[in-house]
């Protein structure tokens, strides 16, 4: 032991596994403490990441809300015919902003050449 360190300072330094003279019980205790500390650190990191993701999601929702609301109101003002032209129905307006919403492959007014639009009888 270093004579320059008093007992209070010695308590601040954790014992290492390489210290000679440790009994098997002390080695197991030290390994258990290291495993506990690693598990606590991992749990705190996961909680911090999850908290950050929630904060980011709320911030994103707040930033995009005005544009989403404006688009929603614009779609509600369209007639059923105009909605059909862009491939929507009135019931789908509320679902437009859902992540799993898919637009039809081809809207009703997809411009095609006249010959390709209607097959001619032979």
PDB file of N, CA and C in Angstrom:
ATOM      1  N   UNK A   1       0.843  -1.170   0.000  1.00  0.00           N
ATOM      2  CA  UNK A   1       0.000   0.000   0.000  1.00  0.00           C
ATOM      3  C   UNK A   1       0.893   1.239   0.000  1.00  0.00           C
ATOM      4  N   UNK A   2       0.475   2.241  -0.715  1.00  0.00           N
ATOM      5  CA  UNK A   2       1.238   3.465  -0.793  1.00  0.00           C
ATOM      6  C   UNK A   2       1.019   4.254   0.502  1.00  0.00           C
ATOM      7  N   UNK A   3       2.069   4.612   1.221  1.00  0.00           N
ATOM      8  CA  UNK A   3       1.888   5.318   2.492  1.00  0.00           C
ATOM      9  C   UNK A   3       1.340   6.727   2.317  1.00  0.00           C
ATOM     10  N   UNK A   4       1.343   7.255   1.087  1.00  0.00           N
ATOM     11  CA  UNK A   4       0.828   8.607   0.866  1.00  0.00           C
ATOM     12  C   UNK A   4      -0.695   8.633   0.766  1.00  0.00           C
ATOM     13  N   UNK A   5      -1.324   7.473   0.694  1.00  0.00           N
ATOM     14  CA  UNK A   5      -2.790   7.412   0.605  1.00  0.00           C
ATOM     15  C   UNK A   5      -3.359   7.054   1.976  1.00  0.00           C
ATOM     16  N   UNK A   6      -4.346   7.803   2.398  1.00  0.00           N
ATOM     17  CA  UNK A   6      -4.994   7.461   3.657  1.00  0.00           C
ATOM     18  C   UNK A   6      -6.149   6.486   3.402  1.00  0.00           C
ATOM     19  N   UNK A   7      -6.789   6.021   4.420  1.00  0.00           N
ATOM     20  CA  UNK A   7      -7.840   5.009   4.304  1.00  0.00           C
ATOM     21  C   UNK A   7      -9.038   5.525   3.487  1.00  0.00           C
ATOM     22  N   UNK A   8      -9.363   6.787   3.617  1.00  0.00           N
ATOM     23  CA  UNK A   8     -10.493   7.345   2.867  1.00  0.00           C
ATOM     24  C   UNK A   8     -10.205   7.320   1.365  1.00  0.00           C
ATOM     25  N   UNK A   9      -9.010   7.646   0.970  1.00  0.00           N
ATOM     26  CA  UNK A   9      -8.640   7.618  -0.433  1.00  0.00           C
ATOM     27  C   UNK A   9      -8.599   6.198  -0.965  1.00  0.00           C
ATOM     28  N   UNK A  10      -8.174   5.261  -0.150  1.00  0.00           N
ATOM     29  CA  UNK A  10      -8.110   3.869  -0.586  1.00  0.00           C
ATOM     30  C   UNK A  10      -9.497   3.355  -0.924  1.00  0.00           C
ATOM     31  N   UNK A  11     -10.506   3.791  -0.181  1.00  0.00           N
ATOM     32  CA  UNK A  11     -11.876   3.369  -0.449  1.00  0.00           C
ATOM     33  C   UNK A  11     -12.418   3.885  -1.777  1.00  0.00           C
ATOM     34  N   UNK A  12     -11.829   4.949  -2.306  1.00  0.00           N
ATOM     35  CA  UNK A  12     -12.291   5.510  -3.572  1.00  0.00           C
ATOM     36  C   UNK A  12     -11.831   4.714  -4.784  1.00  0.00           C
ATOM     37  N   UNK A  13     -10.751   3.964  -4.641  1.00  0.00           N
ATOM     38  CA  UNK A  13     -10.214   3.209  -5.756  1.00  0.00           C
ATOM     39  C   UNK A  13     -10.733   1.778  -5.714  1.00  0.00           C
ATOM     40  N   UNK A  14     -11.448   1.344  -6.760  1.00  0.00           N
ATOM     41  CA  UNK A  14     -11.943  -0.040  -6.755  1.00  0.00           C
ATOM     42  C   UNK A  14     -10.788  -1.022  -6.868  1.00  0.00           C
ATOM     43  N   UNK A  15     -10.976  -2.144  -6.269  1.00  0.00           N
ATOM     44  CA  UNK A  15      -9.941  -3.162  -6.358  1.00  0.00           C
ATOM     45  C   UNK A  15     -10.000  -3.798  -7.738  1.00  0.00           C
ATOM     46  N   UNK A  16      -8.870  -4.126  -8.270  1.00  0.00           N
ATOM     47  CA  UNK A  16      -8.819  -4.766  -9.572  1.00  0.00           C
ATOM     48  C   UNK A  16      -8.718  -6.269  -9.398  1.00  0.00           C
ATOM     49  N   UNK A  17      -9.049  -7.002 -10.428  1.00  0.00           N
ATOM     50  CA  UNK A  17      -8.999  -8.451 -10.360  1.00  0.00           C
ATOM     51  C   UNK A  17      -7.567  -8.965 -10.328  1.00  0.00           C
ATOM     52  N   UNK A  18      -6.612  -8.131 -10.712  1.00  0.00           N
ATOM     53  CA  UNK A  18      -5.221  -8.565 -10.763  1.00  0.00           C
ATOM     54  C   UNK A  18      -4.515  -8.404  -9.417  1.00  0.00           C
ATOM     55  N   UNK A  19      -5.208  -7.876  -8.412  1.00  0.00           N
ATOM     56  CA  UNK A  19      -4.585  -7.676  -7.110  1.00  0.00           C
ATOM     57  C   UNK A  19      -4.284  -9.032  -6.481  1.00  0.00           C
ATOM     58  N   UNK A  20      -3.039  -9.261  -6.109  1.00  0.00           N
ATOM     59  CA  UNK A  20      -2.707 -10.556  -5.505  1.00  0.00           C
ATOM     60  C   UNK A  20      -3.320 -10.675  -4.112  1.00  0.00           C
ATOM     61  N   UNK A  21      -3.687 -11.867  -3.767  1.00  0.00           N
ATOM     62  CA  UNK A  21      -4.215 -12.135  -2.440  1.00  0.00           C
ATOM     63  C   UNK A  21      -5.724 -12.056  -2.340  1.00  0.00           C
ATOM     64  N   UNK A  22      -6.428 -11.814  -3.433  1.00  0.00           N
ATOM     65  CA  UNK A  22      -7.888 -11.805  -3.392  1.00  0.00           C
ATOM     66  C   UNK A  22      -8.391 -13.242  -3.310  1.00  0.00           C
ATOM     67  N   UNK A  23      -9.384 -13.423  -2.476  1.00  0.00           N
ATOM     68  CA  UNK A  23      -9.972 -14.761  -2.392  1.00  0.00           C
ATOM     69  C   UNK A  23     -10.928 -14.960  -3.572  1.00  0.00           C
ATOM     70  N   UNK A  24     -11.365 -16.180  -3.783  1.00  0.00           N
ATOM     71  CA  UNK A  24     -12.286 -16.496  -4.877  1.00  0.00           C
ATOM     72  C   UNK A  24     -13.591 -15.740  -4.724  1.00  0.00           C
ATOM     73  N   UNK A  25     -14.031 -15.544  -3.498  1.00  0.00           N
ATOM     74  CA  UNK A  25     -15.276 -14.811  -3.244  1.00  0.00           C
ATOM     75  C   UNK A  25     -15.116 -13.353  -3.657  1.00  0.00           C
ATOM     76  N   UNK A  26     -13.959 -12.763  -3.339  1.00  0.00           N
ATOM     77  CA  UNK A  26     -13.729 -11.381  -3.728  1.00  0.00           C
ATOM     78  C   UNK A  26     -13.682 -11.218  -5.245  1.00  0.00           C
ATOM     79  N   UNK A  27     -13.104 -12.184  -5.926  1.00  0.00           N
ATOM     80  CA  UNK A  27     -13.047 -12.146  -7.384  1.00  0.00           C
ATOM     81  C   UNK A  27     -14.457 -12.223  -7.963  1.00  0.00           C
ATOM     82  N   UNK A  28     -15.281 -13.110  -7.425  1.00  0.00           N
ATOM     83  CA  UNK A  28     -16.665 -13.254  -7.907  1.00  0.00           C
ATOM     84  C   UNK A  28     -17.449 -11.978  -7.635  1.00  0.00           C
ATOM     85  N   UNK A  29     -17.250 -11.374  -6.464  1.00  0.00           N
ATOM     86  CA  UNK A  29     -17.931 -10.114  -6.139  1.00  0.00           C
ATOM     87  C   UNK A  29     -17.526  -9.011  -7.114  1.00  0.00           C
ATOM     88  N   UNK A  30     -16.244  -8.940  -7.424  1.00  0.00           N
ATOM     89  CA  UNK A  30     -15.780  -7.917  -8.349  1.00  0.00           C
ATOM     90  C   UNK A  30     -16.360  -8.136  -9.742  1.00  0.00           C
ATOM     91  N   UNK A  31     -16.420  -9.381 -10.197  1.00  0.00           N
ATOM     92  CA  UNK A  31     -17.001  -9.679 -11.508  1.00  0.00           C
ATOM     93  C   UNK A  31     -18.487  -9.370 -11.527  1.00  0.00           C
ATOM     94  N   UNK A  32     -19.185  -9.673 -10.436  1.00  0.00           N
ATOM     95  CA  UNK A  32     -20.619  -9.378 -10.351  1.00  0.00           C
ATOM     96  C   UNK A  32     -20.855  -7.872 -10.381  1.00  0.00           C
ATOM     97  N   UNK A  33     -20.012  -7.117  -9.689  1.00  0.00           N
ATOM     98  CA  UNK A  33     -20.153  -5.662  -9.690  1.00  0.00           C
ATOM     99  C   UNK A  33     -19.906  -5.092 -11.086  1.00  0.00           C
ATOM    100  N   UNK A  34     -18.915  -5.628 -11.787  1.00  0.00           N
ATOM    101  CA  UNK A  34     -18.655  -5.166 -13.151  1.00  0.00           C
ATOM    102  C   UNK A  34     -19.819  -5.503 -14.074  1.00  0.00           C
ATOM    103  N   UNK A  35     -20.378  -6.692 -13.944  1.00  0.00           N
ATOM    104  CA  UNK A  35     -21.527  -7.079 -14.777  1.00  0.00           C
ATOM    105  C   UNK A  35     -22.728  -6.202 -14.471  1.00  0.00           C
ATOM    106  N   UNK A  36     -22.953  -5.919 -13.175  1.00  0.00           N
ATOM    107  CA  UNK A  36     -24.069  -5.049 -12.780  1.00  0.00           C
ATOM    108  C   UNK A  36     -23.885  -3.661 -13.370  1.00  0.00           C
ATOM    109  N   UNK A  37     -22.681  -3.117 -13.245  1.00  0.00           N
ATOM    110  CA  UNK A  37     -22.417  -1.783 -13.771  1.00  0.00           C
ATOM    111  C   UNK A  37     -22.592  -1.723 -15.284  1.00  0.00           C
ATOM    112  N   UNK A  38     -22.151  -2.771 -15.977  1.00  0.00           N
ATOM    113  CA  UNK A  38     -22.318  -2.816 -17.436  1.00  0.00           C
ATOM    114  C   UNK A  38     -23.799  -2.872 -17.806  1.00  0.00           C
ATOM    115  N   UNK A  39     -24.585  -3.668 -17.057  1.00  0.00           N
ATOM    116  CA  UNK A  39     -26.025  -3.771 -17.336  1.00  0.00           C
ATOM    117  C   UNK A  39     -26.728  -2.458 -17.057  1.00  0.00           C
ATOM    118  N   UNK A  40     -26.363  -1.778 -15.972  1.00  0.00           N
ATOM    119  CA  UNK A  40     -26.968  -0.481 -15.671  1.00  0.00           C
ATOM    120  C   UNK A  40     -26.617   0.546 -16.746  1.00  0.00           C
ATOM    121  N   UNK A  41     -25.366   0.548 -17.171  1.00  0.00           N
ATOM    122  CA  UNK A  41     -24.952   1.483 -18.222  1.00  0.00           C
ATOM    123  C   UNK A  41     -25.713   1.252 -19.521  1.00  0.00           C
ATOM    124  N   UNK A  42     -25.875  -0.034 -19.889  1.00  0.00           N
ATOM    125  CA  UNK A  42     -26.614  -0.353 -21.111  1.00  0.00           C
ATOM    126  C   UNK A  42     -28.077   0.066 -20.988  1.00  0.00           C
ATOM    127  N   UNK A  43     -28.672  -0.150 -19.824  1.00  0.00           N
ATOM    128  CA  UNK A  43     -30.065   0.251 -19.615  1.00  0.00           C
ATOM    129  C   UNK A  43     -30.246   1.755 -19.687  1.00  0.00           C
ATOM    130  N   UNK A  44     -29.305   2.486 -19.109  1.00  0.00           N
ATOM    131  CA  UNK A  44     -29.377   3.950 -19.153  1.00  0.00           C
ATOM    132  C   UNK A  44     -29.202   4.442 -20.584  1.00  0.00           C
ATOM    133  N   UNK A  45     -28.290   3.831 -21.346  1.00  0.00           N
ATOM    134  CA  UNK A  45     -28.118   4.215 -22.754  1.00  0.00           C
ATOM    135  C   UNK A  45     -29.393   3.957 -23.555  1.00  0.00           C
ATOM    136  N   UNK A  46     -30.015   2.778 -23.355  1.00  0.00           N
ATOM    137  CA  UNK A  46     -31.256   2.473 -24.082  1.00  0.00           C
ATOM    138  C   UNK A  46     -32.361   3.466 -23.718  1.00  0.00           C
ATOM    139  N   UNK A  47     -32.468   3.813 -22.438  1.00  0.00           N
ATOM    140  CA  UNK A  47     -33.489   4.771 -22.013  1.00  0.00           C
ATOM    141  C   UNK A  47     -33.234   6.144 -22.622  1.00  0.00           C
ATOM    142  N   UNK A  48     -31.971   6.550 -22.683  1.00  0.00           N
ATOM    143  CA  UNK A  48     -31.639   7.851 -23.265  1.00  0.00           C
ATOM    144  C   UNK A  48     -31.955   7.879 -24.757  1.00  0.00           C
ATOM    145  N   UNK A  49     -31.642   6.798 -25.463  1.00  0.00           N
ATOM    146  CA  UNK A  49     -31.925   6.729 -26.900  1.00  0.00           C
ATOM    147  C   UNK A  49     -33.432   6.758 -27.141  1.00  0.00           C
ATOM    148  N   UNK A  50     -34.185   5.994 -26.342  1.00  0.00           N
ATOM    149  CA  UNK A  50     -35.639   5.964 -26.510  1.00  0.00           C
ATOM    150  C   UNK A  50     -36.246   7.340 -26.218  1.00  0.00           C
ATOM    151  N   UNK A  51     -35.744   8.008 -25.183  1.00  0.00           N
ATOM    152  CA  UNK A  51     -36.235   9.346 -24.858  1.00  0.00           C
ATOM    153  C   UNK A  51     -35.941  10.314 -25.995  1.00  0.00           C
ATOM    154  N   UNK A  52     -34.743  10.242 -26.542  1.00  0.00           N
ATOM    155  CA  UNK A  52     -34.384  11.118 -27.654  1.00  0.00           C
ATOM    156  C   UNK A  52     -35.266  10.847 -28.869  1.00  0.00           C
ATOM    157  N   UNK A  53     -35.573   9.581 -29.137  1.00  0.00           N
ATOM    158  CA  UNK A  53     -36.417   9.258 -30.281  1.00  0.00           C
ATOM    159  C   UNK A  53     -37.823   9.822 -30.105  1.00  0.00           C
ATOM    160  N   UNK A  54     -38.353   9.770 -28.883  1.00  0.00           N
ATOM    161  CA  UNK A  54     -39.682  10.343 -28.619  1.00  0.00           C
ATOM    162  C   UNK A  54     -39.648  11.850 -28.824  1.00  0.00           C
ATOM    163  N   UNK A  55     -38.617  12.493 -28.297  1.00  0.00           N
ATOM    164  CA  UNK A  55     -38.501  13.951 -28.450  1.00  0.00           C
ATOM    165  C   UNK A  55     -38.376  14.322 -29.926  1.00  0.00           C
ATOM    166  N   UNK A  56     -37.595  13.560 -30.681  1.00  0.00           N
ATOM    167  CA  UNK A  56     -37.436  13.834 -32.112  1.00  0.00           C
ATOM    168  C   UNK A  56     -38.751  13.631 -32.860  1.00  0.00           C
ATOM    169  N   UNK A  57     -39.510  12.599 -32.502  1.00  0.00           N
ATOM    170  CA  UNK A  57     -40.789  12.341 -33.169  1.00  0.00           C
ATOM    171  C   UNK A  57     -41.792  13.457 -32.874  1.00  0.00           C
ATOM    172  N   UNK A  58     -41.836  13.904 -31.639  1.00  0.00           N
ATOM    173  CA  UNK A  58     -42.753  14.998 -31.283  1.00  0.00           C
ATOM    174  C   UNK A  58     -42.332  16.279 -32.003  1.00  0.00           C
ATOM    175  N   UNK A  59     -41.037  16.560 -32.024  1.00  0.00           N
ATOM    176  CA  UNK A  59     -40.556  17.749 -32.725  1.00  0.00           C
ATOM    177  C   UNK A  59     -40.874  17.710 -34.213  1.00  0.00           C
ATOM    178  N   UNK A  60     -40.694  16.546 -34.820  1.00  0.00           N
ATOM    179  CA  UNK A  60     -41.004  16.404 -36.246  1.00  0.00           C
ATOM    180  C   UNK A  60     -42.495  16.606 -36.502  1.00  0.00           C
ATOM    181  N   UNK A  61     -43.308  16.039 -35.637  1.00  0.00           N
ATOM    182  CA  UNK A  61     -44.759  16.206 -35.800  1.00  0.00           C
ATOM    183  C   UNK A  61     -45.156  17.673 -35.666  1.00  0.00           C
ATOM    184  N   UNK A  62     -44.549  18.366 -34.728  1.00  0.00           N
ATOM    185  CA  UNK A  62     -44.872  19.788 -34.550  1.00  0.00           C
ATOM    186  C   UNK A  62     -44.402  20.623 -35.732  1.00  0.00           C
ATOM    187  N   UNK A  63     -43.268  20.281 -36.304  1.00  0.00           N
ATOM    188  CA  UNK A  63     -42.749  21.051 -37.441  1.00  0.00           C
ATOM    189  C   UNK A  63     -43.556  20.814 -38.712  1.00  0.00           C
ATOM    190  N   UNK A  64     -44.044  19.604 -38.915  1.00  0.00           N
ATOM    191  CA  UNK A  64     -44.774  19.304 -40.150  1.00  0.00           C
ATOM    192  C   UNK A  64     -46.278  19.536 -40.029  1.00  0.00           C
ATOM    193  N   UNK A  65     -46.777  19.839 -38.834  1.00  0.00           N
ATOM    194  CA  UNK A  65     -48.215  19.987 -38.653  1.00  0.00           C
ATOM    195  C   UNK A  65     -48.840  21.062 -39.540  1.00  0.00           C
ATOM    196  N   UNK A  66     -48.282  22.271 -39.624  1.00  0.00           N
ATOM    197  CA  UNK A  66     -48.938  23.288 -40.460  1.00  0.00           C
ATOM    198  C   UNK A  66     -49.078  22.861 -41.929  1.00  0.00           C
ATOM    199  N   UNK A  67     -48.048  22.269 -42.498  1.00  0.00           N
ATOM    200  CA  UNK A  67     -48.123  21.843 -43.897  1.00  0.00           C
ATOM    201  C   UNK A  67     -49.122  20.704 -44.060  1.00  0.00           C
ATOM    202  N   UNK A  68     -49.143  19.780 -43.115  1.00  0.00           N
ATOM    203  CA  UNK A  68     -50.095  18.664 -43.195  1.00  0.00           C
ATOM    204  C   UNK A  68     -51.529  19.165 -43.075  1.00  0.00           C
ATOM    205  N   UNK A  69     -51.759  20.091 -42.173  1.00  0.00           N
ATOM    206  CA  UNK A  69     -53.099  20.637 -41.977  1.00  0.00           C
ATOM    207  C   UNK A  69     -53.557  21.383 -43.233  1.00  0.00           C
ATOM    208  N   UNK A  70     -52.655  22.143 -43.834  1.00  0.00           N
ATOM    209  CA  UNK A  70     -52.984  22.886 -45.049  1.00  0.00           C
ATOM    210  C   UNK A  70     -53.334  21.928 -46.190  1.00  0.00           C
ATOM    211  N   UNK A  71     -52.561  20.871 -46.341  1.00  0.00           N
ATOM    212  CA  UNK A  71     -52.842  19.878 -47.386  1.00  0.00           C
ATOM    213  C   UNK A  71     -54.172  19.194 -47.131  1.00  0.00           C
ATOM    214  N   UNK A  72     -54.433  18.846 -45.884  1.00  0.00           N
ATOM    215  CA  UNK A  72     -55.694  18.193 -45.519  1.00  0.00           C
ATOM    216  C   UNK A  72     -56.886  19.092 -45.864  1.00  0.00           C
ATOM    217  N   UNK A  73     -56.785  20.370 -45.503  1.00  0.00           N
ATOM    218  CA  UNK A  73     -57.886  21.298 -45.804  1.00  0.00           C
ATOM    219  C   UNK A  73     -58.052  21.483 -47.309  1.00  0.00           C
ATOM    220  N   UNK A  74     -56.952  21.521 -48.047  1.00  0.00           N
ATOM    221  CA  UNK A  74     -57.038  21.662 -49.504  1.00  0.00           C
ATOM    222  C   UNK A  74     -57.730  20.456 -50.131  1.00  0.00           C
ATOM    223  N   UNK A  75     -57.395  19.269 -49.666  1.00  0.00           N
ATOM    224  CA  UNK A  75     -58.037  18.054 -50.183  1.00  0.00           C
ATOM    225  C   UNK A  75     -59.516  18.011 -49.830  1.00  0.00           C
ATOM    226  N   UNK A  76     -59.872  18.483 -48.649  1.00  0.00           N
ATOM    227  CA  UNK A  76     -61.286  18.472 -48.249  1.00  0.00           C
ATOM    228  C   UNK A  76     -62.120  19.419 -49.100  1.00  0.00           C
ATOM    229  N   UNK A  77     -61.499  20.458 -49.641  1.00  0.00           N
ATOM    230  CA  UNK A  77     -62.240  21.430 -50.440  1.00  0.00           C
ATOM    231  C   UNK A  77     -62.470  20.954 -51.873  1.00  0.00           C
ATOM    232  N   UNK A  78     -61.777  19.903 -52.301  1.00  0.00           N
ATOM    233  CA  UNK A  78     -61.958  19.389 -53.655  1.00  0.00           C
ATOM    234  C   UNK A  78     -63.281  18.640 -53.766  1.00  0.00           C
ATOM    235  N   UNK A  79     -63.824  18.648 -54.967  1.00  0.00           N
ATOM    236  CA  UNK A  79     -65.064  17.891 -55.210  1.00  0.00           C
ATOM    237  C   UNK A  79     -64.714  16.412 -55.365  1.00  0.00           C
ATOM    238  N   UNK A  80     -65.749  15.562 -55.327  1.00  0.00           N
ATOM    239  CA  UNK A  80     -65.519  14.129 -55.499  1.00  0.00           C
ATOM    240  C   UNK A  80     -64.910  13.827 -56.867  1.00  0.00           C
ATOM    241  N   UNK A  81     -65.308  14.559 -57.869  1.00  0.00           N
ATOM    242  CA  UNK A  81     -64.764  14.374 -59.219  1.00  0.00           C
ATOM    243  C   UNK A  81     -63.267  14.714 -59.249  1.00  0.00           C
ATOM    244  N   UNK A  82     -62.894  15.839 -58.618  1.00  0.00           N
ATOM    245  CA  UNK A  82     -61.489  16.236 -58.592  1.00  0.00           C
ATOM    246  C   UNK A  82     -60.647  15.233 -57.791  1.00  0.00           C
ATOM    247  N   UNK A  83     -61.207  14.711 -56.716  1.00  0.00           N
ATOM    248  CA  UNK A  83     -60.501  13.687 -55.939  1.00  0.00           C
ATOM    249  C   UNK A  83     -60.307  12.422 -56.771  1.00  0.00           C
ATOM    250  N   UNK A  84     -61.339  12.056 -57.539  1.00  0.00           N
ATOM    251  CA  UNK A  84     -61.227  10.869 -58.389  1.00  0.00           C
ATOM    252  C   UNK A  84     -60.158  11.075 -59.459  1.00  0.00           C
ATOM    253  N   UNK A  85     -60.011  12.295 -59.933  1.00  0.00           N
ATOM    254  CA  UNK A  85     -58.983  12.584 -60.935  1.00  0.00           C
ATOM    255  C   UNK A  85     -57.572  12.345 -60.406  1.00  0.00           C
ATOM    256  N   UNK A  86     -57.371  12.580 -59.125  1.00  0.00           N
ATOM    257  CA  UNK A  86     -56.039  12.349 -58.559  1.00  0.00           C
ATOM    258  C   UNK A  86     -55.930  10.980 -57.890  1.00  0.00           C
ATOM    259  N   UNK A  87     -56.980  10.175 -58.013  1.00  0.00           N
ATOM    260  CA  UNK A  87     -56.922   8.803 -57.526  1.00  0.00           C
ATOM    261  C   UNK A  87     -57.287   8.628 -56.069  1.00  0.00           C
ATOM    262  N   UNK A  88     -58.057   9.551 -55.504  1.00  0.00           N
ATOM    263  CA  UNK A  88     -58.474   9.454 -54.106  1.00  0.00           C
ATOM    264  C   UNK A  88     -59.985   9.435 -53.996  1.00  0.00           C
ATOM    265  N   UNK A  89     -60.452   8.940 -52.887  1.00  0.00           N
ATOM    266  CA  UNK A  89     -61.865   9.068 -52.546  1.00  0.00           C
ATOM    267  C   UNK A  89     -61.948   9.946 -51.306  1.00  0.00           C
ATOM    268  N   UNK A  90     -63.119  10.426 -51.007  1.00  0.00           N
ATOM    269  CA  UNK A  90     -63.280  11.301 -49.842  1.00  0.00           C
ATOM    270  C   UNK A  90     -62.899  10.567 -48.548  1.00  0.00           C
ATOM    271  N   UNK A  91     -63.156   9.288 -48.481  1.00  0.00           N
ATOM    272  CA  UNK A  91     -62.831   8.519 -47.288  1.00  0.00           C
ATOM    273  C   UNK A  91     -61.335   8.327 -47.077  1.00  0.00           C
ATOM    274  N   UNK A  92     -60.556   8.497 -48.133  1.00  0.00           N
ATOM    275  CA  UNK A  92     -59.105   8.311 -48.016  1.00  0.00           C
ATOM    276  C   UNK A  92     -58.360   9.583 -47.603  1.00  0.00           C
ATOM    277  N   UNK A  93     -59.046  10.704 -47.563  1.00  0.00           N
ATOM    278  CA  UNK A  93     -58.378  11.963 -47.229  1.00  0.00           C
ATOM    279  C   UNK A  93     -57.744  11.884 -45.846  1.00  0.00           C
ATOM    280  N   UNK A  94     -58.438  11.326 -44.878  1.00  0.00           N
ATOM    281  CA  UNK A  94     -57.894  11.271 -43.519  1.00  0.00           C
ATOM    282  C   UNK A  94     -56.717  10.303 -43.414  1.00  0.00           C
ATOM    283  N   UNK A  95     -56.591   9.380 -44.372  1.00  0.00           N
ATOM    284  CA  UNK A  95     -55.509   8.400 -44.333  1.00  0.00           C
ATOM    285  C   UNK A  95     -54.279   8.816 -45.135  1.00  0.00           C
ATOM    286  N   UNK A  96     -54.331   9.926 -45.817  1.00  0.00           N
ATOM    287  CA  UNK A  96     -53.245  10.338 -46.705  1.00  0.00           C
ATOM    288  C   UNK A  96     -51.919  10.448 -45.958  1.00  0.00           C
ATOM    289  N   UNK A  97     -51.935  10.859 -44.700  1.00  0.00           N
ATOM    290  CA  UNK A  97     -50.700  11.079 -43.958  1.00  0.00           C
ATOM    291  C   UNK A  97     -50.250   9.857 -43.163  1.00  0.00           C
ATOM    292  N   UNK A  98     -50.964   8.755 -43.245  1.00  0.00           N
ATOM    293  CA  UNK A  98     -50.530   7.539 -42.551  1.00  0.00           C
ATOM    294  C   UNK A  98     -49.316   6.957 -43.266  1.00  0.00           C
ATOM    295  N   UNK A  99     -48.364   6.402 -42.529  1.00  0.00           N
ATOM    296  CA  UNK A  99     -47.144   5.887 -43.164  1.00  0.00           C
ATOM    297  C   UNK A  99     -47.395   4.732 -44.133  1.00  0.00           C
ATOM    298  N   UNK A 100     -48.421   3.921 -43.896  1.00  0.00           N
ATOM    299  CA  UNK A 100     -48.650   2.768 -44.766  1.00  0.00           C
ATOM    300  C   UNK A 100     -49.631   3.068 -45.899  1.00  0.00           C
ATOM    301  N   UNK A 101     -50.029   4.335 -46.075  1.00  0.00           N
ATOM    302  CA  UNK A 101     -50.955   4.700 -47.138  1.00  0.00           C
ATOM    303  C   UNK A 101     -50.251   4.641 -48.486  1.00  0.00           C
ATOM    304  N   UNK A 102     -50.877   4.010 -49.455  1.00  0.00           N
ATOM    305  CA  UNK A 102     -50.311   3.897 -50.808  1.00  0.00           C
ATOM    306  C   UNK A 102     -51.296   4.502 -51.802  1.00  0.00           C
ATOM    307  N   UNK A 103     -50.742   5.344 -52.641  1.00  0.00           N
ATOM    308  CA  UNK A 103     -51.558   5.900 -53.721  1.00  0.00           C
ATOM    309  C   UNK A 103     -51.765   4.812 -54.756  1.00  0.00           C
ATOM    310  N   UNK A 104     -52.869   4.868 -55.505  1.00  0.00           N
ATOM    311  CA  UNK A 104     -53.061   3.893 -56.579  1.00  0.00           C
ATOM    312  C   UNK A 104     -51.911   3.973 -57.579  1.00  0.00           C
ATOM    313  N   UNK A 105     -51.640   2.864 -58.223  1.00  0.00           N
ATOM    314  CA  UNK A 105     -50.529   2.812 -59.177  1.00  0.00           C
ATOM    315  C   UNK A 105     -50.712   3.824 -60.303  1.00  0.00           C
ATOM    316  N   UNK A 106     -51.943   4.021 -60.730  1.00  0.00           N
ATOM    317  CA  UNK A 106     -52.209   4.923 -61.841  1.00  0.00           C
ATOM    318  C   UNK A 106     -53.468   5.723 -61.522  1.00  0.00           C
ATOM    319  N   UNK A 107     -53.389   7.045 -61.407  1.00  0.00           N
ATOM    320  CA  UNK A 107     -54.593   7.824 -61.147  1.00  0.00           C
ATOM    321  C   UNK A 107     -55.569   7.741 -62.316  1.00  0.00           C
ATOM    322  N   UNK A 108     -56.795   8.110 -62.050  1.00  0.00           N
ATOM    323  CA  UNK A 108     -57.856   7.989 -63.040  1.00  0.00           C
ATOM    324  C   UNK A 108     -57.592   8.833 -64.282  1.00  0.00           C
ATOM    325  N   UNK A 109     -56.883   9.924 -64.157  1.00  0.00           N
ATOM    326  CA  UNK A 109     -56.681  10.808 -65.309  1.00  0.00           C
ATOM    327  C   UNK A 109     -55.305  10.640 -65.939  1.00  0.00           C
ATOM    328  N   UNK A 110     -54.688   9.492 -65.790  1.00  0.00           N
ATOM    329  CA  UNK A 110     -53.368   9.279 -66.401  1.00  0.00           C
ATOM    330  C   UNK A 110     -53.514   9.434 -67.905  1.00  0.00           C
ATOM    331  N   UNK A 111     -52.797  10.362 -68.442  1.00  0.00           N
ATOM    332  CA  UNK A 111     -52.906  10.646 -69.862  1.00  0.00           C
ATOM    333  C   UNK A 111     -52.226   9.557 -70.674  1.00  0.00           C
ATOM    334  N   UNK A 112     -52.995   8.961 -71.569  1.00  0.00           N
ATOM    335  CA  UNK A 112     -52.468   7.944 -72.471  1.00  0.00           C
ATOM    336  C   UNK A 112     -52.820   8.364 -73.888  1.00  0.00           C
ATOM    337  N   UNK A 113     -52.030   7.948 -74.847  1.00  0.00           N
ATOM    338  CA  UNK A 113     -52.398   8.241 -76.226  1.00  0.00           C
ATOM    339  C   UNK A 113     -53.756   7.609 -76.553  1.00  0.00           C
ATOM    340  N   UNK A 114     -54.500   8.237 -77.440  1.00  0.00           N
ATOM    341  CA  UNK A 114     -55.851   7.773 -77.765  1.00  0.00           C
ATOM    342  C   UNK A 114     -55.837   6.351 -78.309  1.00  0.00           C
ATOM    343  N   UNK A 115     -54.844   5.980 -79.092  1.00  0.00           N
ATOM    344  CA  UNK A 115     -54.810   4.639 -79.657  1.00  0.00           C
ATOM    345  C   UNK A 115     -54.581   3.596 -78.575  1.00  0.00           C
ATOM    346  N   UNK A 116     -53.815   3.906 -77.569  1.00  0.00           N
ATOM    347  CA  UNK A 116     -53.517   2.940 -76.521  1.00  0.00           C
ATOM    348  C   UNK A 116     -54.652   2.882 -75.495  1.00  0.00           C
ATOM    349  N   UNK A 117     -55.437   3.955 -75.397  1.00  0.00           N
ATOM    350  CA  UNK A 117     -56.486   4.006 -74.390  1.00  0.00           C
ATOM    351  C   UNK A 117     -57.626   3.050 -74.735  1.00  0.00           C
ATOM    352  N   UNK A 118     -58.015   3.000 -76.020  1.00  0.00           N
ATOM    353  CA  UNK A 118     -59.129   2.124 -76.421  1.00  0.00           C
ATOM    354  C   UNK A 118     -58.696   1.234 -77.559  1.00  0.00           C
ATOM    355  N   UNK A 119     -58.740  -0.066 -77.350  1.00  0.00           N
ATOM    356  CA  UNK A 119     -58.397  -0.963 -78.462  1.00  0.00           C
ATOM    357  C   UNK A 119     -59.437  -0.841 -79.570  1.00  0.00           C
ATOM    358  N   UNK A 120     -58.987  -0.854 -80.771  1.00  0.00           N
ATOM    359  CA  UNK A 120     -59.907  -0.722 -81.901  1.00  0.00           C
ATOM    360  C   UNK A 120     -60.341  -2.117 -82.355  1.00  0.00           C
ATOM    361  N   UNK A 121     -61.620  -2.193 -82.738  1.00  0.00           N
ATOM    362  CA  UNK A 121     -62.160  -3.468 -83.217  1.00  0.00           C
ATOM    363  C   UNK A 121     -61.614  -3.765 -84.605  1.00  0.00           C
ATOM    364  N   UNK A 122     -61.318  -5.016 -84.863  1.00  0.00           N
ATOM    365  CA  UNK A 122     -60.747  -5.407 -86.153  1.00  0.00           C
ATOM    366  C   UNK A 122     -61.806  -5.736 -87.146  1.00  0.00           C
TER     367      UNK A 122
END
